[in-house]
Amino acid sequence: MDMLAEVTGSLNTVGYGLAAIGPGVGVGIVIGKTIEGTARQPEMAGALRGNMFLGIALIEALALIGIATPFFLTQ
């Protein structure tokens, strides 16, 4: 006698949880590389900081797309 587990609720939350892993890792890499670059060349800290914020904004846009997509794909 085989029994299958019943999945109830919305899988959108699980999908978004998985989609949030990518931007989280991306932000961590961007910040880590900015700290590394600042440690190597402190005079470039201002330029690196500006590029870091731009990169973080683009990465967070991916997270927003990830949270909005399930609402558009469901009925």
PDB file of N, CA and C in Angstrom:
ATOM      1  N   MET A   1       0.846  -1.166   0.000  1.00  0.00           N
ATOM      2  CA  MET A   1       0.000   0.000   0.000  1.00  0.00           C
ATOM      3  C   MET A   1       0.898   1.239   0.000  1.00  0.00           C
ATOM      4  N   ASP A   2       0.799   2.009  -1.056  1.00  0.00           N
ATOM      5  CA  ASP A   2       1.632   3.202  -1.183  1.00  0.00           C
ATOM      6  C   ASP A   2       0.863   4.426  -0.700  1.00  0.00           C
ATOM      7  N   MET A   3       1.565   5.260   0.027  1.00  0.00           N
ATOM      8  CA  MET A   3       0.965   6.515   0.468  1.00  0.00           C
ATOM      9  C   MET A   3       1.828   7.651  -0.051  1.00  0.00           C
ATOM     10  N   LEU A   4       1.181   8.648  -0.582  1.00  0.00           N
ATOM     11  CA  LEU A   4       1.890   9.829  -1.047  1.00  0.00           C
ATOM     12  C   LEU A   4       1.633  10.966  -0.076  1.00  0.00           C
ATOM     13  N   ALA A   5       2.639  11.770   0.129  1.00  0.00           N
ATOM     14  CA  ALA A   5       2.468  12.923   1.008  1.00  0.00           C
ATOM     15  C   ALA A   5       1.613  13.968   0.307  1.00  0.00           C
ATOM     16  N   GLU A   6       0.743  14.571   1.066  1.00  0.00           N
ATOM     17  CA  GLU A   6      -0.115  15.597   0.504  1.00  0.00           C
ATOM     18  C   GLU A   6       0.528  16.958   0.733  1.00  0.00           C
ATOM     19  N   VAL A   7       0.637  17.719  -0.326  1.00  0.00           N
ATOM     20  CA  VAL A   7       1.194  19.059  -0.236  1.00  0.00           C
ATOM     21  C   VAL A   7       0.042  20.040  -0.259  1.00  0.00           C
ATOM     22  N   THR A   8      -0.077  20.793   0.817  1.00  0.00           N
ATOM     23  CA  THR A   8      -1.144  21.789   0.874  1.00  0.00           C
ATOM     24  C   THR A   8      -0.519  23.164   0.974  1.00  0.00           C
ATOM     25  N   GLY A   9      -1.283  24.168   0.628  1.00  0.00           N
ATOM     26  CA  GLY A   9      -0.772  25.529   0.686  1.00  0.00           C
ATOM     27  C   GLY A   9      -0.186  25.933  -0.652  1.00  0.00           C
ATOM     28  N   SER A  10       0.443  27.048  -0.631  1.00  0.00           N
ATOM     29  CA  SER A  10       0.989  27.615  -1.856  1.00  0.00           C
ATOM     30  C   SER A  10       2.469  27.289  -1.986  1.00  0.00           C
ATOM     31  N   LEU A  11       2.841  26.839  -3.141  1.00  0.00           N
ATOM     32  CA  LEU A  11       4.254  26.588  -3.399  1.00  0.00           C
ATOM     33  C   LEU A  11       5.004  27.857  -3.800  1.00  0.00           C
ATOM     34  N   ASN A  12       4.266  28.974  -3.924  1.00  0.00           N
ATOM     35  CA  ASN A  12       4.921  30.235  -4.265  1.00  0.00           C
ATOM     36  C   ASN A  12       5.915  30.646  -3.193  1.00  0.00           C
ATOM     37  N   THR A  13       5.591  30.369  -1.935  1.00  0.00           N
ATOM     38  CA  THR A  13       6.511  30.754  -0.863  1.00  0.00           C
ATOM     39  C   THR A  13       7.800  29.948  -0.929  1.00  0.00           C
ATOM     40  N   VAL A  14       7.687  28.679  -1.261  1.00  0.00           N
ATOM     41  CA  VAL A  14       8.885  27.852  -1.413  1.00  0.00           C
ATOM     42  C   VAL A  14       9.700  28.320  -2.611  1.00  0.00           C
ATOM     43  N   GLY A  15       9.009  28.653  -3.689  1.00  0.00           N
ATOM     44  CA  GLY A  15       9.703  29.148  -4.885  1.00  0.00           C
ATOM     45  C   GLY A  15      10.439  30.443  -4.616  1.00  0.00           C
ATOM     46  N   TYR A  16       9.805  31.355  -3.878  1.00  0.00           N
ATOM     47  CA  TYR A  16      10.481  32.606  -3.576  1.00  0.00           C
ATOM     48  C   TYR A  16      11.648  32.378  -2.626  1.00  0.00           C
ATOM     49  N   GLY A  17      11.495  31.461  -1.710  1.00  0.00           N
ATOM     50  CA  GLY A  17      12.613  31.145  -0.810  1.00  0.00           C
ATOM     51  C   GLY A  17      13.825  30.664  -1.588  1.00  0.00           C
ATOM     52  N   LEU A  18      13.591  29.830  -2.581  1.00  0.00           N
ATOM     53  CA  LEU A  18      14.689  29.366  -3.423  1.00  0.00           C
ATOM     54  C   LEU A  18      15.227  30.485  -4.313  1.00  0.00           C
ATOM     55  N   ALA A  19      14.340  31.361  -4.778  1.00  0.00           N
ATOM     56  CA  ALA A  19      14.771  32.463  -5.639  1.00  0.00           C
ATOM     57  C   ALA A  19      15.547  33.509  -4.862  1.00  0.00           C
ATOM     58  N   ALA A  20      15.357  33.601  -3.561  1.00  0.00           N
ATOM     59  CA  ALA A  20      16.065  34.589  -2.747  1.00  0.00           C
ATOM     60  C   ALA A  20      17.499  34.173  -2.452  1.00  0.00           C
ATOM     61  N   ILE A  21      17.823  32.917  -2.661  1.00  0.00           N
ATOM     62  CA  ILE A  21      19.183  32.451  -2.395  1.00  0.00           C
ATOM     63  C   ILE A  21      20.170  33.110  -3.348  1.00  0.00           C
ATOM     64  N   GLY A  22      19.822  33.216  -4.617  1.00  0.00           N
ATOM     65  CA  GLY A  22      20.719  33.802  -5.610  1.00  0.00           C
ATOM     66  C   GLY A  22      21.086  35.242  -5.313  1.00  0.00           C
ATOM     67  N   PRO A  23      20.103  36.137  -5.124  1.00  0.00           N
ATOM     68  CA  PRO A  23      20.457  37.513  -4.779  1.00  0.00           C
ATOM     69  C   PRO A  23      21.206  37.633  -3.460  1.00  0.00           C
ATOM     70  N   GLY A  24      20.890  36.774  -2.500  1.00  0.00           N
ATOM     71  CA  GLY A  24      21.612  36.807  -1.225  1.00  0.00           C
ATOM     72  C   GLY A  24      23.081  36.485  -1.404  1.00  0.00           C
ATOM     73  N   VAL A  25      23.364  35.472  -2.185  1.00  0.00           N
ATOM     74  CA  VAL A  25      24.756  35.115  -2.474  1.00  0.00           C
ATOM     75  C   VAL A  25      25.422  36.219  -3.290  1.00  0.00           C
ATOM     76  N   GLY A  26      24.692  36.783  -4.243  1.00  0.00           N
ATOM     77  CA  GLY A  26      25.241  37.851  -5.076  1.00  0.00           C
ATOM     78  C   GLY A  26      25.624  39.079  -4.287  1.00  0.00           C
ATOM     79  N   VAL A  27      24.768  39.499  -3.357  1.00  0.00           N
ATOM     80  CA  VAL A  27      25.081  40.663  -2.521  1.00  0.00           C
ATOM     81  C   VAL A  27      26.305  40.376  -1.657  1.00  0.00           C
ATOM     82  N   GLY A  28      26.377  39.176  -1.122  1.00  0.00           N
ATOM     83  CA  GLY A  28      27.545  38.808  -0.312  1.00  0.00           C
ATOM     84  C   GLY A  28      28.838  38.867  -1.103  1.00  0.00           C
ATOM     85  N   ILE A  29      28.812  38.385  -2.331  1.00  0.00           N
ATOM     86  CA  ILE A  29      30.012  38.419  -3.174  1.00  0.00           C
ATOM     87  C   ILE A  29      30.390  39.855  -3.518  1.00  0.00           C
ATOM     88  N   VAL A  30      29.394  40.685  -3.873  1.00  0.00           N
ATOM     89  CA  VAL A  30      29.677  42.076  -4.239  1.00  0.00           C
ATOM     90  C   VAL A  30      30.295  42.828  -3.065  1.00  0.00           C
ATOM     91  N   ILE A  31      29.726  42.682  -1.884  1.00  0.00           N
ATOM     92  CA  ILE A  31      30.251  43.389  -0.714  1.00  0.00           C
ATOM     93  C   ILE A  31      31.637  42.864  -0.354  1.00  0.00           C
ATOM     94  N   GLY A  32      31.825  41.557  -0.428  1.00  0.00           N
ATOM     95  CA  GLY A  32      33.140  40.989  -0.118  1.00  0.00           C
ATOM     96  C   GLY A  32      34.225  41.468  -1.067  1.00  0.00           C
ATOM     97  N   LYS A  33      33.911  41.510  -2.343  1.00  0.00           N
ATOM     98  CA  LYS A  33      34.898  41.972  -3.322  1.00  0.00           C
ATOM     99  C   LYS A  33      35.177  43.469  -3.173  1.00  0.00           C
ATOM    100  N   THR A  34      34.156  44.239  -2.770  1.00  0.00           N
ATOM    101  CA  THR A  34      34.384  45.670  -2.540  1.00  0.00           C
ATOM    102  C   THR A  34      35.309  45.880  -1.349  1.00  0.00           C
ATOM    103  N   ILE A  35      35.112  45.121  -0.295  1.00  0.00           N
ATOM    104  CA  ILE A  35      35.994  45.219   0.869  1.00  0.00           C
ATOM    105  C   ILE A  35      37.401  44.807   0.490  1.00  0.00           C
ATOM    106  N   GLU A  36      37.523  43.757  -0.303  1.00  0.00           N
ATOM    107  CA  GLU A  36      38.843  43.304  -0.745  1.00  0.00           C
ATOM    108  C   GLU A  36      39.528  44.360  -1.610  1.00  0.00           C
ATOM    109  N   GLY A  37      38.779  44.965  -2.527  1.00  0.00           N
ATOM    110  CA  GLY A  37      39.343  46.009  -3.383  1.00  0.00           C
ATOM    111  C   GLY A  37      39.749  47.241  -2.592  1.00  0.00           C
ATOM    112  N   THR A  38      38.957  47.611  -1.585  1.00  0.00           N
ATOM    113  CA  THR A  38      39.288  48.757  -0.747  1.00  0.00           C
ATOM    114  C   THR A  38      40.538  48.471   0.082  1.00  0.00           C
ATOM    115  N   ALA A  39      40.692  47.244   0.533  1.00  0.00           N
ATOM    116  CA  ALA A  39      41.878  46.890   1.302  1.00  0.00           C
ATOM    117  C   ALA A  39      43.136  46.931   0.424  1.00  0.00           C
ATOM    118  N   ARG A  40      42.994  46.584  -0.839  1.00  0.00           N
ATOM    119  CA  ARG A  40      44.150  46.589  -1.743  1.00  0.00           C
ATOM    120  C   ARG A  40      44.508  47.992  -2.209  1.00  0.00           C
ATOM    121  N   GLN A  41      43.493  48.822  -2.476  1.00  0.00           N
ATOM    122  CA  GLN A  41      43.735  50.192  -2.945  1.00  0.00           C
ATOM    123  C   GLN A  41      42.778  51.136  -2.221  1.00  0.00           C
ATOM    124  N   PRO A  42      43.173  51.618  -1.049  1.00  0.00           N
ATOM    125  CA  PRO A  42      42.279  52.474  -0.258  1.00  0.00           C
ATOM    126  C   PRO A  42      41.871  53.767  -0.970  1.00  0.00           C
ATOM    127  N   GLU A  43      42.694  54.254  -1.875  1.00  0.00           N
ATOM    128  CA  GLU A  43      42.351  55.498  -2.574  1.00  0.00           C
ATOM    129  C   GLU A  43      41.177  55.322  -3.532  1.00  0.00           C
ATOM    130  N   MET A  44      40.821  54.107  -3.874  1.00  0.00           N
ATOM    131  CA  MET A  44      39.695  53.829  -4.772  1.00  0.00           C
ATOM    132  C   MET A  44      38.401  53.526  -4.013  1.00  0.00           C
ATOM    133  N   ALA A  45      38.386  53.773  -2.714  1.00  0.00           N
ATOM    134  CA  ALA A  45      37.229  53.401  -1.893  1.00  0.00           C
ATOM    135  C   ALA A  45      35.953  54.084  -2.375  1.00  0.00           C
ATOM    136  N   GLY A  46      36.019  55.358  -2.746  1.00  0.00           N
ATOM    137  CA  GLY A  46      34.822  56.072  -3.191  1.00  0.00           C
ATOM    138  C   GLY A  46      34.239  55.491  -4.461  1.00  0.00           C
ATOM    139  N   ALA A  47      35.075  55.222  -5.432  1.00  0.00           N
ATOM    140  CA  ALA A  47      34.600  54.646  -6.698  1.00  0.00           C
ATOM    141  C   ALA A  47      34.067  53.230  -6.487  1.00  0.00           C
ATOM    142  N   LEU A  48      34.739  52.460  -5.659  1.00  0.00           N
ATOM    143  CA  LEU A  48      34.275  51.100  -5.399  1.00  0.00           C
ATOM    144  C   LEU A  48      32.942  51.108  -4.665  1.00  0.00           C
ATOM    145  N   ARG A  49      32.778  52.052  -3.750  1.00  0.00           N
ATOM    146  CA  ARG A  49      31.530  52.125  -2.995  1.00  0.00           C
ATOM    147  C   ARG A  49      30.359  52.448  -3.930  1.00  0.00           C
ATOM    148  N   GLY A  50      30.567  53.385  -4.845  1.00  0.00           N
ATOM    149  CA  GLY A  50      29.503  53.711  -5.796  1.00  0.00           C
ATOM    150  C   GLY A  50      29.129  52.537  -6.673  1.00  0.00           C
ATOM    151  N   ASN A  51      30.134  51.838  -7.163  1.00  0.00           N
ATOM    152  CA  ASN A  51      29.870  50.646  -7.980  1.00  0.00           C
ATOM    153  C   ASN A  51      29.197  49.549  -7.169  1.00  0.00           C
ATOM    154  N   MET A  52      29.566  49.445  -5.881  1.00  0.00           N
ATOM    155  CA  MET A  52      28.958  48.438  -5.023  1.00  0.00           C
ATOM    156  C   MET A  52      27.464  48.703  -4.868  1.00  0.00           C
ATOM    157  N   PHE A  53      27.099  49.964  -4.612  1.00  0.00           N
ATOM    158  CA  PHE A  53      25.680  50.279  -4.432  1.00  0.00           C
ATOM    159  C   PHE A  53      24.892  50.055  -5.726  1.00  0.00           C
ATOM    160  N   LEU A  54      25.497  50.350  -6.850  1.00  0.00           N
ATOM    161  CA  LEU A  54      24.841  50.089  -8.127  1.00  0.00           C
ATOM    162  C   LEU A  54      24.633  48.582  -8.328  1.00  0.00           C
ATOM    163  N   GLY A  55      25.653  47.812  -8.025  1.00  0.00           N
ATOM    164  CA  GLY A  55      25.544  46.352  -8.141  1.00  0.00           C
ATOM    165  C   GLY A  55      24.502  45.771  -7.202  1.00  0.00           C
ATOM    166  N   ILE A  56      24.456  46.287  -5.971  1.00  0.00           N
ATOM    167  CA  ILE A  56      23.461  45.804  -5.016  1.00  0.00           C
ATOM    168  C   ILE A  56      22.053  46.139  -5.497  1.00  0.00           C
ATOM    169  N   ALA A  57      21.881  47.323  -6.062  1.00  0.00           N
ATOM    170  CA  ALA A  57      20.557  47.708  -6.564  1.00  0.00           C
ATOM    171  C   ALA A  57      20.113  46.778  -7.688  1.00  0.00           C
ATOM    172  N   LEU A  58      21.011  46.445  -8.584  1.00  0.00           N
ATOM    173  CA  LEU A  58      20.658  45.544  -9.676  1.00  0.00           C
ATOM    174  C   LEU A  58      20.354  44.134  -9.169  1.00  0.00           C
ATOM    175  N   ILE A  59      21.113  43.694  -8.192  1.00  0.00           N
ATOM    176  CA  ILE A  59      20.886  42.360  -7.634  1.00  0.00           C
ATOM    177  C   ILE A  59      19.547  42.313  -6.899  1.00  0.00           C
ATOM    178  N   GLU A  60      19.237  43.366  -6.152  1.00  0.00           N
ATOM    179  CA  GLU A  60      17.965  43.394  -5.433  1.00  0.00           C
ATOM    180  C   GLU A  60      16.784  43.480  -6.393  1.00  0.00           C
ATOM    181  N   ALA A  61      17.000  44.041  -7.574  1.00  0.00           N
ATOM    182  CA  ALA A  61      15.937  44.047  -8.583  1.00  0.00           C
ATOM    183  C   ALA A  61      15.580  42.613  -8.971  1.00  0.00           C
ATOM    184  N   LEU A  62      16.568  41.736  -9.008  1.00  0.00           N
ATOM    185  CA  LEU A  62      16.288  40.325  -9.286  1.00  0.00           C
ATOM    186  C   LEU A  62      15.427  39.715  -8.191  1.00  0.00           C
ATOM    187  N   ALA A  63      15.681  40.098  -6.939  1.00  0.00           N
ATOM    188  CA  ALA A  63      14.867  39.581  -5.832  1.00  0.00           C
ATOM    189  C   ALA A  63      13.432  40.078  -5.952  1.00  0.00           C
ATOM    190  N   LEU A  64      13.251  41.331  -6.355  1.00  0.00           N
ATOM    191  CA  LEU A  64      11.892  41.849  -6.528  1.00  0.00           C
ATOM    192  C   LEU A  64      11.172  41.156  -7.672  1.00  0.00           C
ATOM    193  N   ILE A  65      11.900  40.855  -8.737  1.00  0.00           N
ATOM    194  CA  ILE A  65      11.298  40.102  -9.839  1.00  0.00           C
ATOM    195  C   ILE A  65      10.902  38.714  -9.352  1.00  0.00           C
ATOM    196  N   GLY A  66      11.742  38.130  -8.507  1.00  0.00           N
ATOM    197  CA  GLY A  66      11.439  36.805  -7.965  1.00  0.00           C
ATOM    198  C   GLY A  66      10.207  36.787  -7.092  1.00  0.00           C
ATOM    199  N   ILE A  67       9.961  37.859  -6.345  1.00  0.00           N
ATOM    200  CA  ILE A  67       8.776  37.879  -5.493  1.00  0.00           C
ATOM    201  C   ILE A  67       7.521  38.255  -6.291  1.00  0.00           C
ATOM    202  N   ALA A  68       7.669  39.010  -7.365  1.00  0.00           N
ATOM    203  CA  ALA A  68       6.510  39.439  -8.145  1.00  0.00           C
ATOM    204  C   ALA A  68       6.066  38.388  -9.157  1.00  0.00           C
ATOM    205  N   THR A  69       6.974  37.582  -9.648  1.00  0.00           N
ATOM    206  CA  THR A  69       6.657  36.607 -10.689  1.00  0.00           C
ATOM    207  C   THR A  69       5.557  35.620 -10.295  1.00  0.00           C
ATOM    208  N   PRO A  70       5.573  35.057  -9.092  1.00  0.00           N
ATOM    209  CA  PRO A  70       4.491  34.112  -8.764  1.00  0.00           C
ATOM    210  C   PRO A  70       3.104  34.736  -8.807  1.00  0.00           C
ATOM    211  N   PHE A  71       2.996  36.030  -8.511  1.00  0.00           N
ATOM    212  CA  PHE A  71       1.678  36.666  -8.555  1.00  0.00           C
ATOM    213  C   PHE A  71       1.177  36.789  -9.987  1.00  0.00           C
ATOM    214  N   PHE A  72       2.080  36.965 -10.926  1.00  0.00           N
ATOM    215  CA  PHE A  72       1.681  37.090 -12.321  1.00  0.00           C
ATOM    216  C   PHE A  72       1.435  35.741 -12.971  1.00  0.00           C
ATOM    217  N   LEU A  73       2.117  34.712 -12.513  1.00  0.00           N
ATOM    218  CA  LEU A  73       1.985  33.391 -13.125  1.00  0.00           C
ATOM    219  C   LEU A  73       0.799  32.612 -12.608  1.00  0.00           C
ATOM    220  N   THR A  74       0.294  32.976 -11.427  1.00  0.00           N
ATOM    221  CA  THR A  74      -0.874  32.274 -10.910  1.00  0.00           C
ATOM    222  C   THR A  74      -2.129  32.946 -11.447  1.00  0.00           C
ATOM    223  N   GLN A  75      -3.191  32.287 -11.341  1.00  0.00           N
ATOM    224  CA  GLN A  75      -4.436  32.804 -11.891  1.00  0.00           C
ATOM    225  C   GLN A  75      -4.865  33.933 -11.079  1.00  0.00           C
TER     226      GLN A  75
END
